[in-house]
Amino acid sequence: MDKQSNSLQQVYATEFDGQPIIAVRFRGQWCWVAAQVGRAIGYARGDRFADKFTGDWVDETIEGKDFEVLRHSDLNDFRKLWKEPTETGGSRQGRITILYEPGLHLAPNGLEHLRCIK
């Protein structure tokens, strides 16, 4: 596994099954872009995985704890830290769904090792 982090430890880049996954320290917590996680676990369109948090899994997830949908100024603040790789398709229609550590646990396929980022 390849790992890179910036000098301020605000961004941590790694990969899972050859797909890039970038963690960002945002508002004091590590988070992951849901669409990137979706691609890494096999979704052809990572945004479909991201949509599960506000759709299929809405009764099992807690916004603000498991995930957050960033828009407007929140999205602008996040983008200052996370430079969106164009090939991963993280944002759509002016929003990005991010996963906090509890939400990352909902992703199958062994992503548990990503939670060790502190």
Protein backbone atom coordinates (compact mmCIF):
# COMPACT_ATOMS: atom_id res chain seq x y z
CA MET A 1 0.00 0.00 0.00
CA ASP A 2 1.38 3.38 -1.01
CA LYS A 3 0.95 6.14 1.53
CA GLN A 4 1.66 9.83 1.28
CA SER A 5 0.79 12.66 3.60
CA ASN A 6 1.41 16.36 3.54
CA SER A 7 3.60 18.06 6.11
CA LEU A 8 0.64 19.37 8.10
CA GLN A 9 -0.97 15.92 8.31
CA GLN A 10 -4.19 17.35 6.88
CA VAL A 11 -4.25 15.06 3.85
CA TYR A 12 -3.37 11.37 3.74
CA ALA A 13 -3.27 9.57 0.40
CA THR A 14 -3.33 5.81 0.01
CA GLU A 15 -4.96 3.29 -2.28
CA PHE A 16 -7.19 0.26 -2.01
CA ASP A 17 -7.16 -2.34 -4.79
CA GLY A 18 -5.39 0.16 -7.04
CA GLN A 19 -7.92 2.94 -6.51
CA PRO A 20 -6.86 6.19 -4.82
CA ILE A 21 -8.38 7.03 -1.48
CA ILE A 22 -7.56 10.35 0.11
CA ALA A 23 -8.35 11.11 3.74
CA VAL A 24 -8.67 14.72 4.81
CA ARG A 25 -8.62 16.11 8.33
CA PHE A 26 -11.68 18.36 8.24
CA ARG A 27 -13.17 20.04 11.30
CA GLY A 28 -10.91 17.99 13.55
CA GLN A 29 -11.92 14.61 12.12
CA TRP A 30 -10.53 12.36 9.41
CA CYS A 31 -12.97 11.89 6.57
CA TRP A 32 -13.07 10.21 3.18
CA VAL A 33 -14.92 11.20 0.03
CA ALA A 34 -17.73 8.65 -0.32
CA ALA A 35 -17.49 8.50 -4.13
CA GLN A 36 -13.79 7.57 -3.91
CA VAL A 37 -14.57 4.86 -1.38
CA GLY A 38 -17.36 3.61 -3.64
CA ARG A 39 -15.00 3.28 -6.58
CA ALA A 40 -12.39 1.53 -4.45
CA ILE A 41 -14.88 -1.12 -3.34
CA GLY A 42 -16.10 -1.81 -6.85
CA TYR A 43 -18.88 0.60 -7.74
CA ALA A 44 -18.52 1.65 -11.39
CA ARG A 45 -19.93 5.01 -10.31
CA GLY A 46 -18.73 5.91 -6.85
CA ASP A 47 -21.50 8.46 -6.43
CA ARG A 48 -24.00 5.58 -6.28
CA PHE A 49 -22.31 4.41 -3.08
CA ALA A 50 -22.38 7.97 -1.75
CA ASP A 51 -26.12 8.18 -2.49
CA LYS A 52 -26.79 5.17 -0.24
CA PHE A 53 -26.19 7.35 2.83
CA THR A 54 -29.06 9.68 1.96
CA GLY A 55 -31.17 7.00 0.29
CA ASP A 56 -31.16 3.27 1.03
CA TRP A 57 -29.29 3.60 4.34
CA VAL A 58 -30.95 6.76 5.65
CA ASP A 59 -32.57 4.85 8.55
CA GLU A 60 -29.27 3.22 9.57
CA THR A 61 -26.96 6.23 9.33
CA ILE A 62 -26.64 9.50 11.19
CA GLU A 63 -25.76 12.64 9.29
CA GLY A 64 -22.98 14.47 11.11
CA LYS A 65 -21.70 11.26 12.70
CA ASP A 66 -21.44 8.71 9.87
CA PHE A 67 -21.43 11.09 6.93
CA GLU A 68 -22.05 14.65 5.86
CA VAL A 69 -23.20 16.17 2.59
CA LEU A 70 -21.13 19.29 2.01
CA ARG A 71 -22.57 22.20 0.06
CA HIS A 72 -21.88 25.91 -0.38
CA SER A 73 -19.35 27.35 2.10
CA ASP A 74 -18.75 23.95 3.74
CA LEU A 75 -17.88 22.51 0.34
CA ASN A 76 -15.59 25.46 -0.40
CA ASP A 77 -13.79 24.96 2.93
CA PHE A 78 -13.35 21.26 2.21
CA ARG A 79 -12.03 21.89 -1.29
CA LYS A 80 -9.27 24.08 0.14
CA LEU A 81 -7.86 20.91 1.70
CA TRP A 82 -8.91 18.29 -0.85
CA LYS A 83 -7.86 18.81 -4.43
CA GLU A 84 -10.37 16.70 -6.29
CA PRO A 85 -8.75 14.16 -8.59
CA THR A 86 -10.75 14.38 -11.80
CA GLU A 87 -10.67 10.63 -12.39
CA THR A 88 -12.42 9.85 -9.11
CA GLY A 89 -15.53 11.97 -9.59
CA GLY A 90 -15.95 13.10 -6.00
CA SER A 91 -18.38 15.97 -6.42
CA ARG A 92 -21.63 16.25 -8.25
CA GLN A 93 -24.04 19.13 -8.59
CA GLY A 94 -22.16 21.28 -6.11
CA ARG A 95 -21.96 18.76 -3.29
CA ILE A 96 -19.66 16.11 -1.88
CA THR A 97 -20.65 13.36 0.53
CA ILE A 98 -17.91 12.67 3.02
CA LEU A 99 -17.66 9.71 5.39
CA TYR A 100 -16.43 9.97 8.91
CA GLU A 101 -14.85 6.91 10.53
CA PRO A 102 -18.17 5.33 11.66
CA GLY A 103 -19.55 5.70 8.12
CA LEU A 104 -16.43 4.15 6.64
CA HIS A 105 -17.23 1.00 8.62
CA LEU A 106 -20.35 0.58 6.48
CA ALA A 107 -18.19 0.03 3.40
CA PRO A 108 -17.53 -3.67 2.78
CA ASN A 109 -14.32 -5.28 1.52
CA GLY A 110 -11.75 -4.70 4.21
CA LEU A 111 -11.47 -0.92 4.45
CA GLU A 112 -11.10 -1.22 8.21
CA HIS A 113 -7.38 -0.53 8.00
CA LEU A 114 -8.08 3.04 6.90
CA ARG A 115 -9.52 3.88 10.31
CA CYS A 116 -6.06 3.73 11.89
CA ILE A 117 -5.29 7.21 10.57
CA LYS A 118 -5.08 9.46 13.63
